[in-house]
C-alpha cells in the first residue's frame, strides 16, 4: 500500500508519520527529497530567492517537484497494488496540486498536475491520502516556532506566505471533496488511519 500524509506547512505531517510507524510495519519517504534529488535542491534554491525568477512560475516549480518524485519512482512501484507491504509518504502528488491551485487560483491546475505526475511520469497512484485538518493559524504558529527553535530551518517563500497557506488548505479540502487521485481521509488522529490499514501490517 501507498499512504500519503498531506497538509500545509506546520500541520504536523512528520509527527503523524512517526506516530504511525511506531504501530505499523512500514517504510517512510518524505518529499521533497532535499538530500538526494537535484530537482528538489533546485526547487529549494528557487524558494530561497537564489534562482532568479524561477519561483515566480507555478509551472516551473511544480515540474521540479514532480521530477523529484519521478526520481523515486522505482522505490515506490513495489508498493503499488499490494496489501502486504506499506510505505508512508510525507507529501506526495496532491501537495503539488494543492499548492499549484492556491498559487494561481486556477482549479484546472490540479488536472494538469495529475496528468504530469501520474500519466506522463508514471508515478503510482496512492491507496489512501490523509489530509491533516490543522487550521492554518495553528500551523503557521508551529512553523514559526520551529524556525525559532532550529536556526537551520529557515522558512522558504511558500512557508512565509500565510495567505498562500490558507489558500492551499482550501485547495486541499476541495481535493478531498473530489476524492482526487484516490480515496481520502481528513483527520489529525493516527487511530483513524490505523483502521484503514490491513491488520497484517499492524505491529
N, C-alpha and C. Protein backbone atom coordinates (compact mmCIF):
# COMPACT_ATOMS: atom_id res chain seq x y z
N UNK A 1 0.83 -1.19 0.00
CA UNK A 1 0.00 0.00 0.00
C UNK A 1 0.87 1.24 0.00
N UNK A 2 0.31 2.28 -0.57
CA UNK A 2 0.94 3.60 -0.52
C UNK A 2 -0.03 4.54 0.18
N UNK A 3 0.38 5.06 1.33
CA UNK A 3 -0.44 6.01 2.08
C UNK A 3 0.32 7.33 2.15
N UNK A 4 -0.38 8.41 1.81
CA UNK A 4 0.23 9.74 1.77
C UNK A 4 -0.33 10.61 2.89
N UNK A 5 0.54 11.30 3.58
CA UNK A 5 0.14 12.26 4.59
C UNK A 5 0.31 13.65 3.99
N UNK A 6 -0.77 14.39 3.89
CA UNK A 6 -0.76 15.70 3.24
C UNK A 6 -1.19 16.78 4.22
N UNK A 7 -0.79 18.00 3.92
CA UNK A 7 -1.19 19.13 4.76
C UNK A 7 -0.28 20.31 4.52
N UNK A 8 -0.69 21.47 4.99
CA UNK A 8 0.11 22.67 4.82
C UNK A 8 1.31 22.64 5.76
N UNK A 9 2.23 23.58 5.58
CA UNK A 9 3.43 23.64 6.41
C UNK A 9 3.05 23.89 7.86
N UNK A 10 3.60 23.06 8.75
CA UNK A 10 3.29 23.18 10.17
C UNK A 10 2.07 22.40 10.60
N UNK A 11 1.47 21.63 9.69
CA UNK A 11 0.26 20.87 10.04
C UNK A 11 0.55 19.70 10.97
N UNK A 12 1.79 19.23 10.98
CA UNK A 12 2.14 18.10 11.84
C UNK A 12 2.33 16.80 11.09
N UNK A 13 2.70 16.88 9.82
CA UNK A 13 2.84 15.68 8.99
C UNK A 13 3.90 14.72 9.55
N UNK A 14 5.08 15.24 9.83
CA UNK A 14 6.15 14.38 10.32
C UNK A 14 5.79 13.74 11.66
N UNK A 15 5.13 14.51 12.53
CA UNK A 15 4.71 13.96 13.82
C UNK A 15 3.75 12.80 13.63
N UNK A 16 2.81 12.94 12.71
CA UNK A 16 1.85 11.86 12.47
C UNK A 16 2.54 10.66 11.83
N UNK A 17 3.44 10.90 10.90
CA UNK A 17 4.16 9.79 10.29
C UNK A 17 4.90 8.98 11.35
N UNK A 18 5.58 9.67 12.26
CA UNK A 18 6.33 8.96 13.30
C UNK A 18 5.40 8.19 14.23
N UNK A 19 4.22 8.74 14.50
CA UNK A 19 3.24 8.02 15.33
C UNK A 19 2.77 6.75 14.63
N UNK A 20 2.60 6.82 13.32
CA UNK A 20 2.13 5.66 12.57
C UNK A 20 3.16 4.55 12.54
N UNK A 21 4.42 4.90 12.27
CA UNK A 21 5.42 3.86 12.09
C UNK A 21 5.78 3.16 13.40
N UNK A 22 5.35 3.72 14.52
CA UNK A 22 5.51 3.01 15.78
C UNK A 22 4.49 1.89 15.93
N UNK A 23 3.45 1.92 15.07
CA UNK A 23 2.37 0.94 15.21
C UNK A 23 2.17 0.06 13.99
N UNK A 24 2.86 0.36 12.89
CA UNK A 24 2.73 -0.46 11.69
C UNK A 24 4.12 -0.75 11.13
N UNK A 25 4.22 -1.84 10.38
CA UNK A 25 5.45 -2.15 9.66
C UNK A 25 5.41 -1.41 8.34
N UNK A 26 6.20 -0.38 8.23
CA UNK A 26 6.13 0.46 7.03
C UNK A 26 7.47 1.13 6.78
N UNK A 27 7.73 1.38 5.52
CA UNK A 27 8.82 2.26 5.14
C UNK A 27 8.28 3.68 5.08
N UNK A 28 9.19 4.64 5.15
CA UNK A 28 8.81 6.05 5.13
C UNK A 28 9.65 6.78 4.09
N UNK A 29 9.00 7.67 3.36
CA UNK A 29 9.71 8.51 2.41
C UNK A 29 9.08 9.89 2.43
N UNK A 30 9.92 10.91 2.57
CA UNK A 30 9.43 12.29 2.62
C UNK A 30 9.81 13.03 1.35
N UNK A 31 8.86 13.77 0.83
CA UNK A 31 9.09 14.66 -0.30
C UNK A 31 8.92 16.10 0.16
N UNK A 32 9.70 17.01 -0.41
CA UNK A 32 10.78 16.83 -1.37
C UNK A 32 12.01 16.15 -0.75
N UNK A 33 12.77 15.45 -1.58
CA UNK A 33 13.94 14.71 -1.11
C UNK A 33 15.18 15.61 -1.24
N UNK A 34 15.27 16.58 -0.36
CA UNK A 34 16.30 17.60 -0.48
C UNK A 34 17.72 17.05 -0.41
N UNK A 35 17.92 15.94 0.28
CA UNK A 35 19.26 15.39 0.42
C UNK A 35 19.70 14.57 -0.80
N UNK A 36 18.73 14.07 -1.56
CA UNK A 36 19.04 13.09 -2.60
C UNK A 36 18.72 13.52 -4.02
N UNK A 37 17.95 14.56 -4.20
CA UNK A 37 17.41 14.90 -5.51
C UNK A 37 17.87 16.28 -5.95
N UNK A 38 18.49 16.35 -7.13
CA UNK A 38 18.92 17.65 -7.64
C UNK A 38 17.71 18.52 -7.97
N UNK A 39 16.63 17.91 -8.42
CA UNK A 39 15.42 18.69 -8.72
C UNK A 39 14.88 19.34 -7.45
N UNK A 40 14.86 18.60 -6.34
CA UNK A 40 14.39 19.16 -5.08
C UNK A 40 15.33 20.25 -4.59
N UNK A 41 16.62 20.05 -4.77
CA UNK A 41 17.59 21.06 -4.34
C UNK A 41 17.44 22.35 -5.13
N UNK A 42 17.19 22.23 -6.44
CA UNK A 42 16.96 23.42 -7.26
C UNK A 42 15.69 24.14 -6.82
N UNK A 43 14.64 23.37 -6.49
CA UNK A 43 13.40 23.98 -6.01
C UNK A 43 13.65 24.74 -4.71
N UNK A 44 14.43 24.15 -3.82
CA UNK A 44 14.74 24.83 -2.56
C UNK A 44 15.50 26.13 -2.80
N UNK A 45 16.49 26.10 -3.71
CA UNK A 45 17.23 27.32 -4.03
C UNK A 45 16.29 28.39 -4.59
N UNK A 46 15.36 27.95 -5.43
CA UNK A 46 14.42 28.91 -6.02
C UNK A 46 13.55 29.54 -4.95
N UNK A 47 13.08 28.73 -4.00
CA UNK A 47 12.19 29.24 -2.96
C UNK A 47 12.91 30.12 -1.94
N UNK A 48 14.22 30.09 -1.97
CA UNK A 48 15.01 30.99 -1.12
C UNK A 48 15.62 32.14 -1.93
N UNK A 49 15.08 32.36 -3.14
CA UNK A 49 15.48 33.52 -3.93
C UNK A 49 16.81 33.42 -4.61
N UNK A 50 17.29 32.19 -4.86
CA UNK A 50 18.63 32.01 -5.41
C UNK A 50 18.63 31.57 -6.87
N UNK A 51 17.45 31.57 -7.52
CA UNK A 51 17.36 31.09 -8.90
C UNK A 51 16.63 32.11 -9.77
N UNK A 52 16.92 33.38 -9.57
CA UNK A 52 16.27 34.40 -10.37
C UNK A 52 14.76 34.40 -10.16
N UNK A 53 14.02 34.43 -11.27
CA UNK A 53 12.56 34.48 -11.17
C UNK A 53 11.91 33.11 -11.32
N UNK A 54 12.67 32.03 -11.15
CA UNK A 54 12.11 30.70 -11.33
C UNK A 54 10.91 30.45 -10.42
N UNK A 55 11.00 30.88 -9.16
CA UNK A 55 9.92 30.63 -8.20
C UNK A 55 8.64 31.37 -8.57
N UNK A 56 8.73 32.35 -9.47
CA UNK A 56 7.53 33.07 -9.89
C UNK A 56 6.63 32.22 -10.78
N UNK A 57 7.17 31.17 -11.35
CA UNK A 57 6.40 30.33 -12.28
C UNK A 57 5.84 29.11 -11.55
N UNK A 58 4.51 29.02 -11.38
CA UNK A 58 3.93 27.83 -10.77
C UNK A 58 4.24 26.57 -11.56
N UNK A 59 4.31 26.69 -12.88
CA UNK A 59 4.59 25.52 -13.71
C UNK A 59 6.02 25.03 -13.52
N UNK A 60 6.97 25.95 -13.43
CA UNK A 60 8.36 25.56 -13.24
C UNK A 60 8.54 24.86 -11.89
N UNK A 61 7.98 25.44 -10.84
CA UNK A 61 8.12 24.84 -9.52
C UNK A 61 7.43 23.49 -9.44
N UNK A 62 6.24 23.41 -10.00
CA UNK A 62 5.52 22.12 -9.98
C UNK A 62 6.29 21.05 -10.73
N UNK A 63 6.94 21.43 -11.83
CA UNK A 63 7.71 20.47 -12.61
C UNK A 63 8.93 19.98 -11.84
N UNK A 64 9.61 20.87 -11.13
CA UNK A 64 10.75 20.45 -10.32
C UNK A 64 10.33 19.45 -9.25
N UNK A 65 9.24 19.76 -8.55
CA UNK A 65 8.78 18.84 -7.50
C UNK A 65 8.33 17.51 -8.10
N UNK A 66 7.72 17.55 -9.29
CA UNK A 66 7.32 16.32 -9.96
C UNK A 66 8.53 15.48 -10.35
N UNK A 67 9.57 16.12 -10.86
CA UNK A 67 10.78 15.39 -11.23
C UNK A 67 11.47 14.79 -10.02
N UNK A 68 11.39 15.46 -8.88
CA UNK A 68 11.91 14.88 -7.64
C UNK A 68 11.21 13.56 -7.35
N UNK A 69 9.88 13.54 -7.45
CA UNK A 69 9.15 12.30 -7.18
C UNK A 69 9.45 11.24 -8.23
N UNK A 70 9.59 11.67 -9.48
CA UNK A 70 9.91 10.70 -10.52
C UNK A 70 11.23 9.99 -10.23
N UNK A 71 12.15 10.69 -9.61
CA UNK A 71 13.42 10.08 -9.24
C UNK A 71 13.28 8.96 -8.22
N UNK A 72 12.15 8.92 -7.52
CA UNK A 72 11.91 7.86 -6.53
C UNK A 72 10.91 6.82 -7.05
N UNK A 73 10.58 6.89 -8.33
CA UNK A 73 9.55 6.00 -8.89
C UNK A 73 9.87 4.52 -8.65
N UNK A 74 11.10 4.12 -8.89
CA UNK A 74 11.45 2.71 -8.72
C UNK A 74 11.32 2.27 -7.27
N UNK A 75 11.47 3.19 -6.35
CA UNK A 75 11.32 2.88 -4.93
C UNK A 75 9.85 2.72 -4.55
N UNK A 76 8.96 3.41 -5.27
CA UNK A 76 7.54 3.39 -4.95
C UNK A 76 6.79 2.24 -5.61
N UNK A 77 7.19 1.85 -6.80
CA UNK A 77 6.42 0.88 -7.58
C UNK A 77 6.21 -0.46 -6.86
N UNK A 78 7.17 -0.99 -6.10
CA UNK A 78 6.93 -2.27 -5.44
C UNK A 78 5.78 -2.25 -4.43
N UNK A 79 5.37 -1.07 -3.99
CA UNK A 79 4.29 -0.97 -3.00
C UNK A 79 2.92 -0.80 -3.65
N UNK A 80 2.90 -0.54 -4.95
CA UNK A 80 1.63 -0.28 -5.63
C UNK A 80 0.83 -1.57 -5.79
N UNK A 81 -0.45 -1.50 -5.41
CA UNK A 81 -1.34 -2.64 -5.61
C UNK A 81 -1.09 -3.82 -4.70
N UNK A 82 -0.37 -3.60 -3.59
CA UNK A 82 -0.12 -4.69 -2.65
C UNK A 82 -0.89 -4.45 -1.35
N UNK A 83 -1.07 -5.50 -0.58
CA UNK A 83 -1.70 -5.39 0.73
C UNK A 83 -0.78 -5.90 1.83
N UNK A 84 0.42 -6.33 1.47
CA UNK A 84 1.33 -6.91 2.47
C UNK A 84 2.58 -6.07 2.70
N UNK A 85 2.70 -4.94 1.99
CA UNK A 85 3.80 -4.02 2.19
C UNK A 85 3.25 -2.62 2.20
N UNK A 86 3.81 -1.78 3.04
CA UNK A 86 3.29 -0.42 3.21
C UNK A 86 4.43 0.59 3.18
N UNK A 87 4.21 1.68 2.45
CA UNK A 87 5.10 2.83 2.52
C UNK A 87 4.25 4.05 2.85
N UNK A 88 4.71 4.84 3.80
CA UNK A 88 4.02 6.07 4.21
C UNK A 88 4.82 7.25 3.66
N UNK A 89 4.13 8.09 2.91
CA UNK A 89 4.78 9.23 2.27
C UNK A 89 4.40 10.52 2.99
N UNK A 90 5.40 11.28 3.35
CA UNK A 90 5.22 12.63 3.90
C UNK A 90 5.21 13.58 2.71
N UNK A 91 4.02 13.90 2.22
CA UNK A 91 3.74 14.64 0.99
C UNK A 91 3.87 13.72 -0.22
N UNK A 92 3.02 14.03 -1.22
CA UNK A 92 3.10 13.31 -2.49
C UNK A 92 2.52 14.23 -3.57
N UNK A 93 1.89 13.68 -4.56
CA UNK A 93 1.46 14.45 -5.73
C UNK A 93 0.40 15.49 -5.37
N UNK A 94 -0.48 15.17 -4.43
CA UNK A 94 -1.55 16.11 -4.06
C UNK A 94 -0.99 17.43 -3.54
N UNK A 95 0.18 17.38 -2.93
CA UNK A 95 0.81 18.62 -2.47
C UNK A 95 1.07 19.55 -3.64
N UNK A 96 1.57 18.99 -4.74
CA UNK A 96 1.83 19.78 -5.93
C UNK A 96 0.53 20.37 -6.49
N UNK A 97 -0.53 19.56 -6.49
CA UNK A 97 -1.81 20.04 -6.99
C UNK A 97 -2.36 21.18 -6.13
N UNK A 98 -2.34 20.99 -4.81
CA UNK A 98 -2.92 21.99 -3.91
C UNK A 98 -2.16 23.31 -3.98
N UNK A 99 -0.84 23.25 -3.94
CA UNK A 99 -0.06 24.49 -3.99
C UNK A 99 -0.19 25.18 -5.35
N UNK A 100 -0.24 24.41 -6.43
CA UNK A 100 -0.37 25.00 -7.76
C UNK A 100 -1.71 25.72 -7.91
N UNK A 101 -2.78 25.10 -7.43
CA UNK A 101 -4.10 25.74 -7.48
C UNK A 101 -4.10 26.99 -6.61
N UNK A 102 -3.51 26.89 -5.42
CA UNK A 102 -3.51 28.03 -4.49
C UNK A 102 -2.70 29.20 -5.05
N UNK A 103 -1.62 28.91 -5.74
CA UNK A 103 -0.78 29.97 -6.27
C UNK A 103 -1.45 30.70 -7.43
N UNK A 104 -2.22 29.98 -8.22
CA UNK A 104 -2.77 30.56 -9.44
C UNK A 104 -4.24 30.93 -9.33
N UNK A 105 -4.96 30.31 -8.40
CA UNK A 105 -6.40 30.48 -8.34
C UNK A 105 -7.11 29.73 -9.45
N UNK A 106 -6.40 28.86 -10.15
CA UNK A 106 -6.95 28.11 -11.28
C UNK A 106 -7.13 26.64 -10.89
N UNK A 107 -8.36 26.18 -10.67
CA UNK A 107 -8.57 24.78 -10.26
C UNK A 107 -8.15 23.77 -11.31
N UNK A 108 -8.02 24.21 -12.58
CA UNK A 108 -7.59 23.28 -13.63
C UNK A 108 -6.16 22.81 -13.45
N UNK A 109 -5.38 23.52 -12.63
CA UNK A 109 -4.00 23.10 -12.39
C UNK A 109 -3.94 21.74 -11.70
N UNK A 110 -4.97 21.37 -10.95
CA UNK A 110 -4.98 20.05 -10.32
C UNK A 110 -4.99 18.96 -11.37
N UNK A 111 -5.76 19.15 -12.43
CA UNK A 111 -5.79 18.17 -13.52
C UNK A 111 -4.46 18.14 -14.26
N UNK A 112 -3.86 19.31 -14.44
CA UNK A 112 -2.55 19.37 -15.10
C UNK A 112 -1.50 18.60 -14.31
N UNK A 113 -1.49 18.76 -12.99
CA UNK A 113 -0.54 18.03 -12.14
C UNK A 113 -0.82 16.53 -12.21
N UNK A 114 -2.09 16.15 -12.17
CA UNK A 114 -2.44 14.72 -12.26
C UNK A 114 -1.88 14.13 -13.55
N UNK A 115 -2.09 14.81 -14.66
CA UNK A 115 -1.61 14.31 -15.95
C UNK A 115 -0.09 14.23 -15.97
N UNK A 116 0.57 15.27 -15.45
CA UNK A 116 2.03 15.30 -15.45
C UNK A 116 2.62 14.16 -14.63
N UNK A 117 2.16 14.00 -13.41
CA UNK A 117 2.83 13.07 -12.50
C UNK A 117 2.35 11.63 -12.63
N UNK A 118 1.05 11.42 -12.67
CA UNK A 118 0.54 10.05 -12.72
C UNK A 118 0.56 9.47 -14.13
N UNK A 119 0.33 10.30 -15.15
CA UNK A 119 0.24 9.79 -16.51
C UNK A 119 1.55 9.93 -17.28
N UNK A 120 2.09 11.13 -17.37
CA UNK A 120 3.32 11.31 -18.13
C UNK A 120 4.53 10.70 -17.43
N UNK A 121 4.67 10.94 -16.14
CA UNK A 121 5.83 10.44 -15.40
C UNK A 121 5.61 9.04 -14.81
N UNK A 122 4.40 8.55 -14.86
CA UNK A 122 4.13 7.17 -14.47
C UNK A 122 4.25 6.87 -12.99
N UNK A 123 4.02 7.86 -12.13
CA UNK A 123 4.06 7.59 -10.69
C UNK A 123 2.84 6.80 -10.28
N UNK A 124 2.98 5.89 -9.32
CA UNK A 124 1.83 5.09 -8.88
C UNK A 124 0.84 5.94 -8.09
N UNK A 125 -0.45 5.69 -8.30
CA UNK A 125 -1.46 6.39 -7.51
C UNK A 125 -1.50 5.79 -6.12
N UNK A 126 -1.75 6.60 -5.11
CA UNK A 126 -1.77 6.09 -3.74
C UNK A 126 -3.05 5.31 -3.46
N UNK A 127 -2.99 4.49 -2.42
CA UNK A 127 -4.17 3.76 -1.97
C UNK A 127 -5.03 4.62 -1.06
N UNK A 128 -4.40 5.52 -0.32
CA UNK A 128 -5.13 6.38 0.62
C UNK A 128 -4.33 7.65 0.82
N UNK A 129 -5.04 8.78 0.83
CA UNK A 129 -4.43 10.07 1.10
C UNK A 129 -5.07 10.67 2.35
N UNK A 130 -4.24 11.18 3.23
CA UNK A 130 -4.68 11.74 4.50
C UNK A 130 -4.45 13.24 4.48
N UNK A 131 -5.49 14.02 4.71
CA UNK A 131 -5.32 15.45 4.90
C UNK A 131 -5.34 15.76 6.39
N UNK A 132 -4.27 16.35 6.89
CA UNK A 132 -4.26 16.80 8.27
C UNK A 132 -5.05 18.10 8.36
N UNK A 133 -6.11 18.07 9.15
CA UNK A 133 -7.04 19.19 9.20
C UNK A 133 -6.65 20.23 10.25
N UNK A 134 -5.35 20.46 10.39
CA UNK A 134 -4.85 21.50 11.28
C UNK A 134 -5.20 22.87 10.70
N UNK A 135 -5.80 23.73 11.49
CA UNK A 135 -6.19 25.05 11.00
C UNK A 135 -4.95 25.86 10.60
N UNK A 136 -5.04 26.64 9.54
CA UNK A 136 -3.87 27.40 9.07
C UNK A 136 -3.24 28.29 10.13
N UNK A 137 -4.03 28.87 11.02
CA UNK A 137 -3.47 29.73 12.07
C UNK A 137 -2.55 28.94 12.98
N UNK A 138 -3.00 27.75 13.36
CA UNK A 138 -2.20 26.89 14.25
C UNK A 138 -0.94 26.41 13.52
N UNK A 139 -1.10 26.00 12.28
CA UNK A 139 0.04 25.52 11.50
C UNK A 139 1.09 26.61 11.33
N UNK A 140 0.65 27.84 11.09
CA UNK A 140 1.59 28.95 10.91
C UNK A 140 2.38 29.21 12.18
N UNK A 141 1.72 29.14 13.32
CA UNK A 141 2.41 29.33 14.60
C UNK A 141 3.46 28.25 14.81
N UNK A 142 3.11 27.01 14.48
CA UNK A 142 4.07 25.91 14.63
C UNK A 142 5.28 26.11 13.73
N UNK A 143 5.04 26.49 12.47
CA UNK A 143 6.14 26.68 11.53
C UNK A 143 7.07 27.79 12.00
N UNK A 144 6.50 28.86 12.55
CA UNK A 144 7.31 29.97 13.05
C UNK A 144 8.11 29.54 14.28
N UNK A 145 7.48 28.81 15.18
CA UNK A 145 8.18 28.33 16.38
C UNK A 145 9.30 27.36 16.02
N UNK A 146 9.04 26.54 15.00
CA UNK A 146 10.06 25.59 14.54
C UNK A 146 11.28 26.32 14.01
N UNK A 147 11.07 27.40 13.30
CA UNK A 147 12.17 28.19 12.76
C UNK A 147 12.97 28.83 13.89
N UNK A 148 12.28 29.34 14.92
CA UNK A 148 12.96 29.97 16.05
C UNK A 148 13.80 28.95 16.82
N UNK A 149 13.24 27.74 16.98
CA UNK A 149 13.93 26.71 17.77
C UNK A 149 15.11 26.10 17.03
N UNK A 150 15.06 26.10 15.69
CA UNK A 150 16.11 25.46 14.90
C UNK A 150 16.59 26.46 13.84
N UNK A 151 17.77 27.03 14.05
CA UNK A 151 18.26 28.08 13.16
C UNK A 151 18.57 27.57 11.77
N UNK A 152 18.62 26.23 11.58
CA UNK A 152 18.86 25.68 10.25
C UNK A 152 17.57 25.55 9.45
N UNK A 153 16.42 25.78 10.08
CA UNK A 153 15.13 25.60 9.41
C UNK A 153 14.54 26.95 9.00
N UNK A 154 15.22 27.66 8.12
CA UNK A 154 14.71 28.93 7.64
C UNK A 154 13.51 28.68 6.74
N UNK A 155 12.41 29.34 7.04
CA UNK A 155 11.21 29.16 6.23
C UNK A 155 11.42 29.71 4.82
N UNK A 156 10.91 28.98 3.83
CA UNK A 156 11.06 29.42 2.46
C UNK A 156 9.90 30.32 2.05
N UNK A 157 9.87 30.68 0.78
CA UNK A 157 8.88 31.62 0.25
C UNK A 157 7.45 31.12 0.48
N UNK A 158 7.21 29.85 0.26
CA UNK A 158 5.88 29.29 0.48
C UNK A 158 5.50 29.32 1.96
N UNK A 159 6.43 28.92 2.80
CA UNK A 159 6.15 28.81 4.24
C UNK A 159 5.88 30.17 4.88
N UNK A 160 6.51 31.21 4.37
CA UNK A 160 6.34 32.54 4.95
C UNK A 160 5.05 33.23 4.48
N UNK A 161 4.43 32.71 3.46
CA UNK A 161 3.25 33.34 2.86
C UNK A 161 1.98 32.77 3.50
N UNK A 162 1.49 33.44 4.54
CA UNK A 162 0.33 32.93 5.26
C UNK A 162 -0.91 32.87 4.36
N UNK A 163 -1.08 33.85 3.49
CA UNK A 163 -2.20 33.82 2.57
C UNK A 163 -2.15 32.60 1.67
N UNK A 164 -0.96 32.27 1.19
CA UNK A 164 -0.81 31.07 0.36
C UNK A 164 -1.15 29.82 1.14
N UNK A 165 -0.71 29.75 2.39
CA UNK A 165 -1.02 28.57 3.21
C UNK A 165 -2.52 28.41 3.40
N UNK A 166 -3.23 29.51 3.63
CA UNK A 166 -4.69 29.44 3.79
C UNK A 166 -5.35 28.97 2.50
N UNK A 167 -4.91 29.49 1.35
CA UNK A 167 -5.49 29.08 0.08
C UNK A 167 -5.15 27.62 -0.23
N UNK A 168 -3.96 27.20 0.16
CA UNK A 168 -3.58 25.81 -0.07
C UNK A 168 -4.45 24.88 0.76
N UNK A 169 -4.74 25.26 1.98
CA UNK A 169 -5.61 24.44 2.82
C UNK A 169 -6.99 24.30 2.16
N UNK A 170 -7.53 25.38 1.63
CA UNK A 170 -8.82 25.31 0.95
C UNK A 170 -8.72 24.44 -0.31
N UNK A 171 -7.60 24.52 -1.02
CA UNK A 171 -7.42 23.68 -2.20
C UNK A 171 -7.37 22.20 -1.81
N UNK A 172 -6.71 21.91 -0.70
CA UNK A 172 -6.69 20.53 -0.20
C UNK A 172 -8.11 20.05 0.11
N UNK A 173 -8.91 20.88 0.76
CA UNK A 173 -10.28 20.48 1.10
C UNK A 173 -11.07 20.14 -0.15
N UNK A 174 -10.83 20.87 -1.22
CA UNK A 174 -11.52 20.57 -2.48
C UNK A 174 -11.03 19.25 -3.06
N UNK A 175 -9.75 18.96 -2.95
CA UNK A 175 -9.24 17.67 -3.41
C UNK A 175 -9.88 16.53 -2.63
N UNK A 176 -10.05 16.73 -1.34
CA UNK A 176 -10.72 15.71 -0.52
C UNK A 176 -12.14 15.51 -0.99
N UNK A 177 -12.84 16.62 -1.22
CA UNK A 177 -14.24 16.53 -1.66
C UNK A 177 -14.36 15.76 -2.97
N UNK A 178 -13.42 15.98 -3.87
CA UNK A 178 -13.44 15.31 -5.17
C UNK A 178 -12.92 13.88 -5.11
N UNK A 179 -12.30 13.49 -3.99
CA UNK A 179 -11.53 12.23 -3.91
C UNK A 179 -10.53 12.20 -5.06
N UNK A 180 -9.78 13.28 -5.19
CA UNK A 180 -8.81 13.46 -6.26
C UNK A 180 -7.69 12.43 -6.14
N UNK A 181 -7.53 11.61 -7.16
CA UNK A 181 -6.42 10.68 -7.22
C UNK A 181 -6.64 9.35 -6.54
N UNK A 182 -7.41 9.35 -5.45
CA UNK A 182 -7.66 8.13 -4.68
C UNK A 182 -8.59 8.48 -3.53
N UNK A 183 -9.01 7.50 -2.73
CA UNK A 183 -9.79 7.84 -1.52
C UNK A 183 -8.99 8.72 -0.56
N UNK A 184 -9.72 9.56 0.17
CA UNK A 184 -9.13 10.49 1.14
C UNK A 184 -9.73 10.26 2.52
N UNK A 185 -8.97 10.68 3.52
CA UNK A 185 -9.43 10.72 4.89
C UNK A 185 -8.93 12.03 5.48
N UNK A 186 -9.82 12.83 6.05
CA UNK A 186 -9.45 14.10 6.68
C UNK A 186 -9.47 13.92 8.19
N UNK A 187 -8.33 14.05 8.84
CA UNK A 187 -8.22 13.79 10.27
C UNK A 187 -6.90 14.32 10.78
N UNK A 188 -6.71 14.30 12.08
CA UNK A 188 -5.40 14.52 12.68
C UNK A 188 -5.02 13.37 13.61
N UNK A 189 -5.83 12.31 13.62
CA UNK A 189 -5.66 11.22 14.58
C UNK A 189 -5.10 9.97 13.91
N UNK A 190 -4.01 9.44 14.46
CA UNK A 190 -3.42 8.23 13.92
C UNK A 190 -4.39 7.06 13.98
N UNK A 191 -5.24 7.01 15.02
CA UNK A 191 -6.16 5.88 15.16
C UNK A 191 -7.14 5.78 14.00
N UNK A 192 -7.51 6.92 13.42
CA UNK A 192 -8.41 6.90 12.27
C UNK A 192 -7.74 6.25 11.07
N UNK A 193 -6.45 6.49 10.93
CA UNK A 193 -5.71 5.93 9.80
C UNK A 193 -5.47 4.44 10.01
N UNK A 194 -5.15 4.05 11.22
CA UNK A 194 -4.86 2.65 11.51
C UNK A 194 -6.04 1.74 11.17
N UNK A 195 -7.25 2.27 11.26
CA UNK A 195 -8.44 1.48 10.93
C UNK A 195 -8.51 1.16 9.45
N UNK A 196 -7.77 1.89 8.62
CA UNK A 196 -7.79 1.69 7.17
C UNK A 196 -6.61 0.84 6.68
N UNK A 197 -5.77 0.39 7.60
CA UNK A 197 -4.58 -0.38 7.25
C UNK A 197 -4.84 -1.86 7.52
N UNK A 198 -4.49 -2.75 6.58
CA UNK A 198 -4.69 -4.20 6.80
C UNK A 198 -4.07 -4.66 8.11
N UNK A 199 -4.79 -5.55 8.78
CA UNK A 199 -4.39 -5.97 10.13
C UNK A 199 -2.99 -6.61 10.12
N UNK A 200 -2.64 -7.27 9.03
CA UNK A 200 -1.35 -7.95 8.97
C UNK A 200 -0.16 -7.01 8.99
N UNK A 201 -0.40 -5.72 8.77
CA UNK A 201 0.69 -4.75 8.78
C UNK A 201 0.86 -4.10 10.15
N UNK A 202 -0.08 -4.33 11.05
CA UNK A 202 0.00 -3.71 12.38
C UNK A 202 1.00 -4.47 13.24
N UNK A 203 1.66 -3.73 14.09
CA UNK A 203 2.65 -4.35 14.99
C UNK A 203 1.94 -5.10 16.12
